[in-house]
Amino acid sequence: TSKESSPEYHSQVAWAKFKSLRRHLPSVH
């Protein structure tokens, strides 16, 4: 996740990255 981040931002970044994976690679499990 981001180099300098609060725990809340870490969670936001992880969620955004997960959403990107699901949006762009939906058939990959």
PDB file of all heavy atoms in Angstrom:
ATOM      1  N   THR A   1       0.866  -1.172   0.000  1.00  0.00           N
ATOM      2  CA  THR A   1       0.000   0.000   0.000  1.00  0.00           C
ATOM      3  C   THR A   1       0.909   1.230   0.000  1.00  0.00           C
ATOM      4  O   THR A   1       2.120   1.107  -0.151  1.00  0.00           O
ATOM      5  CB  THR A   1      -0.975   0.000   1.199  1.00  0.00           C
ATOM      6  OG1 THR A   1      -0.238  -0.053   2.409  1.00  0.00           O
ATOM      7  CG2 THR A   1      -1.934  -1.187   1.105  1.00  0.00           C
ATOM      8  N   SER A   2       0.331   2.393   0.171  1.00  0.00           N
ATOM      9  CA  SER A   2       1.077   3.642   0.047  1.00  0.00           C
ATOM     10  C   SER A   2       2.196   3.752   1.079  1.00  0.00           C
ATOM     11  O   SER A   2       2.071   3.288   2.216  1.00  0.00           O
ATOM     12  CB  SER A   2       0.111   4.821   0.188  1.00  0.00           C
ATOM     13  OG  SER A   2       0.745   6.017  -0.123  1.00  0.00           O
ATOM     14  N   LYS A   3       3.281   4.405   0.675  1.00  0.00           N
ATOM     15  CA  LYS A   3       4.481   4.518   1.502  1.00  0.00           C
ATOM     16  C   LYS A   3       4.199   5.159   2.856  1.00  0.00           C
ATOM     17  O   LYS A   3       4.640   4.674   3.886  1.00  0.00           O
ATOM     18  CB  LYS A   3       5.543   5.316   0.754  1.00  0.00           C
ATOM     19  CG  LYS A   3       6.887   5.365   1.440  1.00  0.00           C
ATOM     20  CD  LYS A   3       7.904   6.049   0.553  1.00  0.00           C
ATOM     21  CE  LYS A   3       9.292   5.990   1.132  1.00  0.00           C
ATOM     22  NZ  LYS A   3      10.283   6.589   0.251  1.00  0.00           N
ATOM     23  N   GLU A   4       3.498   6.250   2.866  1.00  0.00           N
ATOM     24  CA  GLU A   4       3.184   6.953   4.111  1.00  0.00           C
ATOM     25  C   GLU A   4       1.671   6.945   4.277  1.00  0.00           C
ATOM     26  O   GLU A   4       0.969   7.656   3.559  1.00  0.00           O
ATOM     27  CB  GLU A   4       3.698   8.386   4.054  1.00  0.00           C
ATOM     28  CG  GLU A   4       5.192   8.465   3.837  1.00  0.00           C
ATOM     29  CD  GLU A   4       5.664   9.853   3.461  1.00  0.00           C
ATOM     30  OE1 GLU A   4       4.846  10.789   3.420  1.00  0.00           O
ATOM     31  OE2 GLU A   4       6.861   9.985   3.185  1.00  0.00           O
ATOM     32  N   SER A   5       1.199   6.124   5.196  1.00  0.00           N
ATOM     33  CA  SER A   5      -0.252   6.068   5.328  1.00  0.00           C
ATOM     34  C   SER A   5      -0.685   5.694   6.735  1.00  0.00           C
ATOM     35  O   SER A   5       0.011   4.966   7.446  1.00  0.00           O
ATOM     36  CB  SER A   5      -0.838   5.063   4.326  1.00  0.00           C
ATOM     37  OG  SER A   5      -0.447   3.756   4.614  1.00  0.00           O
ATOM     38  N   SER A   6      -1.830   6.201   7.079  1.00  0.00           N
ATOM     39  CA  SER A   6      -2.466   5.831   8.336  1.00  0.00           C
ATOM     40  C   SER A   6      -3.078   4.438   8.156  1.00  0.00           C
ATOM     41  O   SER A   6      -3.246   3.969   7.025  1.00  0.00           O
ATOM     42  CB  SER A   6      -3.566   6.840   8.667  1.00  0.00           C
ATOM     43  OG  SER A   6      -4.588   6.770   7.670  1.00  0.00           O
ATOM     44  N   PRO A   7      -3.445   3.787   9.245  1.00  0.00           N
ATOM     45  CA  PRO A   7      -4.118   2.479   9.118  1.00  0.00           C
ATOM     46  C   PRO A   7      -5.406   2.569   8.292  1.00  0.00           C
ATOM     47  O   PRO A   7      -5.720   1.657   7.528  1.00  0.00           O
ATOM     48  CB  PRO A   7      -4.410   2.083  10.566  1.00  0.00           C
ATOM     49  CG  PRO A   7      -3.386   2.808  11.370  1.00  0.00           C
ATOM     50  CD  PRO A   7      -3.157   4.119  10.649  1.00  0.00           C
ATOM     51  N   GLU A   8      -6.120   3.681   8.417  1.00  0.00           N
ATOM     52  CA  GLU A   8      -7.358   3.850   7.653  1.00  0.00           C
ATOM     53  C   GLU A   8      -7.060   3.949   6.158  1.00  0.00           C
ATOM     54  O   GLU A   8      -7.752   3.363   5.338  1.00  0.00           O
ATOM     55  CB  GLU A   8      -8.122   5.101   8.112  1.00  0.00           C
ATOM     56  CG  GLU A   8      -8.637   5.046   9.532  1.00  0.00           C
ATOM     57  CD  GLU A   8      -7.556   5.370  10.577  1.00  0.00           C
ATOM     58  OE1 GLU A   8      -6.513   5.978  10.237  1.00  0.00           O
ATOM     59  OE2 GLU A   8      -7.746   4.977  11.737  1.00  0.00           O
ATOM     60  N   TYR A   9      -6.007   4.686   5.821  1.00  0.00           N
ATOM     61  CA  TYR A   9      -5.650   4.827   4.415  1.00  0.00           C
ATOM     62  C   TYR A   9      -5.130   3.503   3.856  1.00  0.00           C
ATOM     63  O   TYR A   9      -5.410   3.157   2.714  1.00  0.00           O
ATOM     64  CB  TYR A   9      -4.621   5.947   4.226  1.00  0.00           C
ATOM     65  CG  TYR A   9      -4.326   6.249   2.781  1.00  0.00           C
ATOM     66  CD1 TYR A   9      -5.357   6.524   1.882  1.00  0.00           C
ATOM     67  CD2 TYR A   9      -3.018   6.261   2.311  1.00  0.00           C
ATOM     68  CE1 TYR A   9      -5.089   6.807   0.551  1.00  0.00           C
ATOM     69  CE2 TYR A   9      -2.740   6.544   0.980  1.00  0.00           C
ATOM     70  CZ  TYR A   9      -3.779   6.817   0.105  1.00  0.00           C
ATOM     71  OH  TYR A   9      -3.514   7.084  -1.214  1.00  0.00           O
ATOM     72  N   HIS A  10      -4.401   2.765   4.649  1.00  0.00           N
ATOM     73  CA  HIS A  10      -3.952   1.433   4.232  1.00  0.00           C
ATOM     74  C   HIS A  10      -5.168   0.604   3.800  1.00  0.00           C
ATOM     75  O   HIS A  10      -5.145  -0.041   2.747  1.00  0.00           O
ATOM     76  CB  HIS A  10      -3.198   0.741   5.372  1.00  0.00           C
ATOM     77  CG  HIS A  10      -2.837  -0.684   5.096  1.00  0.00           C
ATOM     78  ND1 HIS A  10      -1.678  -1.049   4.456  1.00  0.00           N
ATOM     79  CD2 HIS A  10      -3.502  -1.834   5.354  1.00  0.00           C
ATOM     80  CE1 HIS A  10      -1.642  -2.368   4.340  1.00  0.00           C
ATOM     81  NE2 HIS A  10      -2.730  -2.859   4.892  1.00  0.00           N
ATOM     82  N   SER A  11      -6.212   0.628   4.580  1.00  0.00           N
ATOM     83  CA  SER A  11      -7.435  -0.122   4.262  1.00  0.00           C
ATOM     84  C   SER A  11      -8.102   0.408   2.996  1.00  0.00           C
ATOM     85  O   SER A  11      -8.589  -0.375   2.176  1.00  0.00           O
ATOM     86  CB  SER A  11      -8.430  -0.058   5.425  1.00  0.00           C
ATOM     87  OG  SER A  11      -7.891  -0.709   6.545  1.00  0.00           O
ATOM     88  N   GLN A  12      -8.129   1.736   2.828  1.00  0.00           N
ATOM     89  CA  GLN A  12      -8.721   2.327   1.620  1.00  0.00           C
ATOM     90  C   GLN A  12      -7.947   1.919   0.374  1.00  0.00           C
ATOM     91  O   GLN A  12      -8.539   1.596  -0.663  1.00  0.00           O
ATOM     92  CB  GLN A  12      -8.759   3.843   1.730  1.00  0.00           C
ATOM     93  CG  GLN A  12      -9.721   4.382   2.747  1.00  0.00           C
ATOM     94  CD  GLN A  12      -9.546   5.884   2.950  1.00  0.00           C
ATOM     95  OE1 GLN A  12      -8.909   6.563   2.162  1.00  0.00           O
ATOM     96  NE2 GLN A  12     -10.117   6.386   4.038  1.00  0.00           N
ATOM     97  N   VAL A  13      -6.629   1.934   0.457  1.00  0.00           N
ATOM     98  CA  VAL A  13      -5.787   1.551  -0.675  1.00  0.00           C
ATOM     99  C   VAL A  13      -5.989   0.072  -0.998  1.00  0.00           C
ATOM    100  O   VAL A  13      -6.151  -0.300  -2.164  1.00  0.00           O
ATOM    101  CB  VAL A  13      -4.301   1.866  -0.403  1.00  0.00           C
ATOM    102  CG1 VAL A  13      -3.401   1.239  -1.456  1.00  0.00           C
ATOM    103  CG2 VAL A  13      -4.091   3.373  -0.337  1.00  0.00           C
ATOM    104  N   ALA A  14      -5.999  -0.763   0.015  1.00  0.00           N
ATOM    105  CA  ALA A  14      -6.209  -2.196  -0.209  1.00  0.00           C
ATOM    106  C   ALA A  14      -7.556  -2.436  -0.888  1.00  0.00           C
ATOM    107  O   ALA A  14      -7.646  -3.231  -1.836  1.00  0.00           O
ATOM    108  CB  ALA A  14      -6.126  -2.951   1.114  1.00  0.00           C
ATOM    109  N   TRP A  15      -8.582  -1.747  -0.454  1.00  0.00           N
ATOM    110  CA  TRP A  15      -9.902  -1.911  -1.049  1.00  0.00           C
ATOM    111  C   TRP A  15      -9.901  -1.430  -2.509  1.00  0.00           C
ATOM    112  O   TRP A  15     -10.436  -2.097  -3.389  1.00  0.00           O
ATOM    113  CB  TRP A  15     -10.959  -1.165  -0.235  1.00  0.00           C
ATOM    114  CG  TRP A  15     -12.345  -1.305  -0.806  1.00  0.00           C
ATOM    115  CD1 TRP A  15     -13.135  -0.313  -1.283  1.00  0.00           C
ATOM    116  CD2 TRP A  15     -13.095  -2.512  -0.971  1.00  0.00           C
ATOM    117  NE1 TRP A  15     -14.334  -0.829  -1.734  1.00  0.00           N
ATOM    118  CE2 TRP A  15     -14.332  -2.179  -1.546  1.00  0.00           C
ATOM    119  CE3 TRP A  15     -12.836  -3.851  -0.685  1.00  0.00           C
ATOM    120  CZ2 TRP A  15     -15.309  -3.129  -1.854  1.00  0.00           C
ATOM    121  CZ3 TRP A  15     -13.814  -4.804  -0.991  1.00  0.00           C
ATOM    122  CH2 TRP A  15     -15.024  -4.436  -1.557  1.00  0.00           C
ATOM    123  N   ALA A  16      -9.264  -0.303  -2.788  1.00  0.00           N
ATOM    124  CA  ALA A  16      -9.196   0.218  -4.157  1.00  0.00           C
ATOM    125  C   ALA A  16      -8.442  -0.754  -5.065  1.00  0.00           C
ATOM    126  O   ALA A  16      -8.851  -1.010  -6.206  1.00  0.00           O
ATOM    127  CB  ALA A  16      -8.533   1.596  -4.174  1.00  0.00           C
ATOM    128  N   LYS A  17      -7.352  -1.302  -4.580  1.00  0.00           N
ATOM    129  CA  LYS A  17      -6.587  -2.259  -5.375  1.00  0.00           C
ATOM    130  C   LYS A  17      -7.402  -3.524  -5.632  1.00  0.00           C
ATOM    131  O   LYS A  17      -7.399  -4.065  -6.740  1.00  0.00           O
ATOM    132  CB  LYS A  17      -5.267  -2.609  -4.682  1.00  0.00           C
ATOM    133  CG  LYS A  17      -4.256  -1.489  -4.731  1.00  0.00           C
ATOM    134  CD  LYS A  17      -2.944  -1.940  -4.117  1.00  0.00           C
ATOM    135  CE  LYS A  17      -1.875  -0.893  -4.307  1.00  0.00           C
ATOM    136  NZ  LYS A  17      -0.536  -1.486  -4.328  1.00  0.00           N
ATOM    137  N   PHE A  18      -8.095  -3.993  -4.616  1.00  0.00           N
ATOM    138  CA  PHE A  18      -8.940  -5.170  -4.787  1.00  0.00           C
ATOM    139  C   PHE A  18     -10.021  -4.912  -5.833  1.00  0.00           C
ATOM    140  O   PHE A  18     -10.274  -5.754  -6.701  1.00  0.00           O
ATOM    141  CB  PHE A  18      -9.563  -5.569  -3.440  1.00  0.00           C
ATOM    142  CG  PHE A  18     -10.452  -6.770  -3.540  1.00  0.00           C
ATOM    143  CD1 PHE A  18      -9.905  -8.045  -3.617  1.00  0.00           C
ATOM    144  CD2 PHE A  18     -11.829  -6.634  -3.560  1.00  0.00           C
ATOM    145  CE1 PHE A  18     -10.722  -9.159  -3.718  1.00  0.00           C
ATOM    146  CE2 PHE A  18     -12.651  -7.739  -3.666  1.00  0.00           C
ATOM    147  CZ  PHE A  18     -12.098  -9.005  -3.749  1.00  0.00           C
ATOM    148  N   LYS A  19     -10.653  -3.743  -5.756  1.00  0.00           N
ATOM    149  CA  LYS A  19     -11.687  -3.390  -6.734  1.00  0.00           C
ATOM    150  C   LYS A  19     -11.118  -3.346  -8.147  1.00  0.00           C
ATOM    151  O   LYS A  19     -11.766  -3.795  -9.101  1.00  0.00           O
ATOM    152  CB  LYS A  19     -12.331  -2.049  -6.373  1.00  0.00           C
ATOM    153  CG  LYS A  19     -13.312  -2.151  -5.211  1.00  0.00           C
ATOM    154  CD  LYS A  19     -13.837  -0.811  -4.752  1.00  0.00           C
ATOM    155  CE  LYS A  19     -14.598  -0.072  -5.801  1.00  0.00           C
ATOM    156  NZ  LYS A  19     -15.216   1.168  -5.282  1.00  0.00           N
ATOM    157  N   SER A  20      -9.911  -2.820  -8.310  1.00  0.00           N
ATOM    158  CA  SER A  20      -9.286  -2.771  -9.626  1.00  0.00           C
ATOM    159  C   SER A  20      -9.030  -4.173 -10.175  1.00  0.00           C
ATOM    160  O   SER A  20      -9.253  -4.435 -11.359  1.00  0.00           O
ATOM    161  CB  SER A  20      -7.981  -1.989  -9.577  1.00  0.00           C
ATOM    162  OG  SER A  20      -8.249  -0.621  -9.389  1.00  0.00           O
ATOM    163  N   LEU A  21      -8.566  -5.054  -9.329  1.00  0.00           N
ATOM    164  CA  LEU A  21      -8.357  -6.438  -9.765  1.00  0.00           C
ATOM    165  C   LEU A  21      -9.662  -7.078 -10.210  1.00  0.00           C
ATOM    166  O   LEU A  21      -9.723  -7.738 -11.253  1.00  0.00           O
ATOM    167  CB  LEU A  21      -7.734  -7.273  -8.645  1.00  0.00           C
ATOM    168  CG  LEU A  21      -6.267  -7.056  -8.354  1.00  0.00           C
ATOM    169  CD1 LEU A  21      -5.863  -7.779  -7.065  1.00  0.00           C
ATOM    170  CD2 LEU A  21      -5.399  -7.527  -9.520  1.00  0.00           C
ATOM    171  N   ARG A  22     -10.699  -6.895  -9.426  1.00  0.00           N
ATOM    172  CA  ARG A  22     -12.004  -7.498  -9.759  1.00  0.00           C
ATOM    173  C   ARG A  22     -12.583  -6.886 -11.035  1.00  0.00           C
ATOM    174  O   ARG A  22     -13.197  -7.585 -11.834  1.00  0.00           O
ATOM    175  CB  ARG A  22     -13.003  -7.334  -8.609  1.00  0.00           C
ATOM    176  CG  ARG A  22     -12.644  -8.054  -7.349  1.00  0.00           C
ATOM    177  CD  ARG A  22     -12.428  -9.565  -7.472  1.00  0.00           C
ATOM    178  NE  ARG A  22     -13.491 -10.239  -8.166  1.00  0.00           N
ATOM    179  CZ  ARG A  22     -13.338 -11.324  -8.935  1.00  0.00           C
ATOM    180  NH1 ARG A  22     -12.152 -11.858  -9.098  1.00  0.00           N
ATOM    181  NH2 ARG A  22     -14.357 -11.880  -9.534  1.00  0.00           N
ATOM    182  N   ARG A  23     -12.390  -5.586 -11.230  1.00  0.00           N
ATOM    183  CA  ARG A  23     -12.936  -4.922 -12.414  1.00  0.00           C
ATOM    184  C   ARG A  23     -12.191  -5.339 -13.678  1.00  0.00           C
ATOM    185  O   ARG A  23     -12.808  -5.598 -14.706  1.00  0.00           O
ATOM    186  CB  ARG A  23     -12.873  -3.403 -12.251  1.00  0.00           C
ATOM    187  CG  ARG A  23     -13.461  -2.661 -13.471  1.00  0.00           C
ATOM    188  CD  ARG A  23     -13.511  -1.173 -13.285  1.00  0.00           C
ATOM    189  NE  ARG A  23     -12.149  -0.654 -13.277  1.00  0.00           N
ATOM    190  CZ  ARG A  23     -11.745   0.366 -12.547  1.00  0.00           C
ATOM    191  NH1 ARG A  23     -12.574   0.985 -11.748  1.00  0.00           N
ATOM    192  NH2 ARG A  23     -10.512   0.794 -12.602  1.00  0.00           N
ATOM    193  N   HIS A  24     -10.881  -5.410 -13.607  1.00  0.00           N
ATOM    194  CA  HIS A  24     -10.085  -5.662 -14.807  1.00  0.00           C
ATOM    195  C   HIS A  24      -9.775  -7.137 -15.061  1.00  0.00           C
ATOM    196  O   HIS A  24      -9.467  -7.505 -16.198  1.00  0.00           O
ATOM    197  CB  HIS A  24      -8.774  -4.872 -14.742  1.00  0.00           C
ATOM    198  CG  HIS A  24      -8.970  -3.398 -14.844  1.00  0.00           C
ATOM    199  ND1 HIS A  24      -9.281  -2.773 -16.032  1.00  0.00           N
ATOM    200  CD2 HIS A  24      -8.918  -2.426 -13.914  1.00  0.00           C
ATOM    201  CE1 HIS A  24      -9.388  -1.474 -15.830  1.00  0.00           C
ATOM    202  NE2 HIS A  24      -9.183  -1.233 -14.547  1.00  0.00           N
ATOM    203  N   LEU A  25      -9.828  -7.958 -14.039  1.00  0.00           N
ATOM    204  CA  LEU A  25      -9.550  -9.387 -14.192  1.00  0.00           C
ATOM    205  C   LEU A  25     -10.639 -10.212 -13.498  1.00  0.00           C
ATOM    206  O   LEU A  25     -10.365 -11.014 -12.599  1.00  0.00           O
ATOM    207  CB  LEU A  25      -8.170  -9.728 -13.601  1.00  0.00           C
ATOM    208  CG  LEU A  25      -6.967  -9.160 -14.351  1.00  0.00           C
ATOM    209  CD1 LEU A  25      -5.696  -9.241 -13.510  1.00  0.00           C
ATOM    210  CD2 LEU A  25      -6.783  -9.889 -15.676  1.00  0.00           C
ATOM    211  N   PRO A  26     -11.895 -10.032 -13.911  1.00  0.00           N
ATOM    212  CA  PRO A  26     -12.998 -10.682 -13.193  1.00  0.00           C
ATOM    213  C   PRO A  26     -12.991 -12.208 -13.261  1.00  0.00           C
ATOM    214  O   PRO A  26     -13.518 -12.858 -12.367  1.00  0.00           O
ATOM    215  CB  PRO A  26     -14.248 -10.098 -13.865  1.00  0.00           C
ATOM    216  CG  PRO A  26     -13.784  -9.723 -15.236  1.00  0.00           C
ATOM    217  CD  PRO A  26     -12.368  -9.257 -15.055  1.00  0.00           C
ATOM    218  N   SER A  27     -12.400 -12.782 -14.286  1.00  0.00           N
ATOM    219  CA  SER A  27     -12.404 -14.249 -14.411  1.00  0.00           C
ATOM    220  C   SER A  27     -11.271 -14.912 -13.646  1.00  0.00           C
ATOM    221  O   SER A  27     -11.215 -16.136 -13.564  1.00  0.00           O
ATOM    222  CB  SER A  27     -12.330 -14.653 -15.889  1.00  0.00           C
ATOM    223  OG  SER A  27     -11.043 -14.382 -16.411  1.00  0.00           O
ATOM    224  N   VAL A  28     -10.384 -14.114 -13.077  1.00  0.00           N
ATOM    225  CA  VAL A  28      -9.245 -14.671 -12.347  1.00  0.00           C
ATOM    226  C   VAL A  28      -9.608 -14.807 -10.875  1.00  0.00           C
ATOM    227  O   VAL A  28     -10.048 -13.854 -10.242  1.00  0.00           O
ATOM    228  CB  VAL A  28      -7.989 -13.782 -12.527  1.00  0.00           C
ATOM    229  CG1 VAL A  28      -6.839 -14.302 -11.674  1.00  0.00           C
ATOM    230  CG2 VAL A  28      -7.596 -13.702 -13.993  1.00  0.00           C
ATOM    231  N   HIS A  29      -9.404 -16.002 -10.363  1.00  0.00           N
ATOM    232  CA  HIS A  29      -9.679 -16.275  -8.952  1.00  0.00           C
ATOM    233  C   HIS A  29      -8.340 -16.554  -8.275  1.00  0.00           C
ATOM    234  O   HIS A  29      -7.847 -17.689  -8.279  1.00  0.00           O
ATOM    235  CB  HIS A  29     -10.654 -17.440  -8.807  1.00  0.00           C
ATOM    236  CG  HIS A  29     -11.954 -17.172  -9.496  1.00  0.00           C
ATOM    237  ND1 HIS A  29     -12.894 -16.302  -9.004  1.00  0.00           N
ATOM    238  CD2 HIS A  29     -12.425 -17.601 -10.681  1.00  0.00           C
ATOM    239  CE1 HIS A  29     -13.912 -16.227  -9.842  1.00  0.00           C
ATOM    240  NE2 HIS A  29     -13.644 -17.001 -10.870  1.00  0.00           N
TER     241      HIS A  29
END
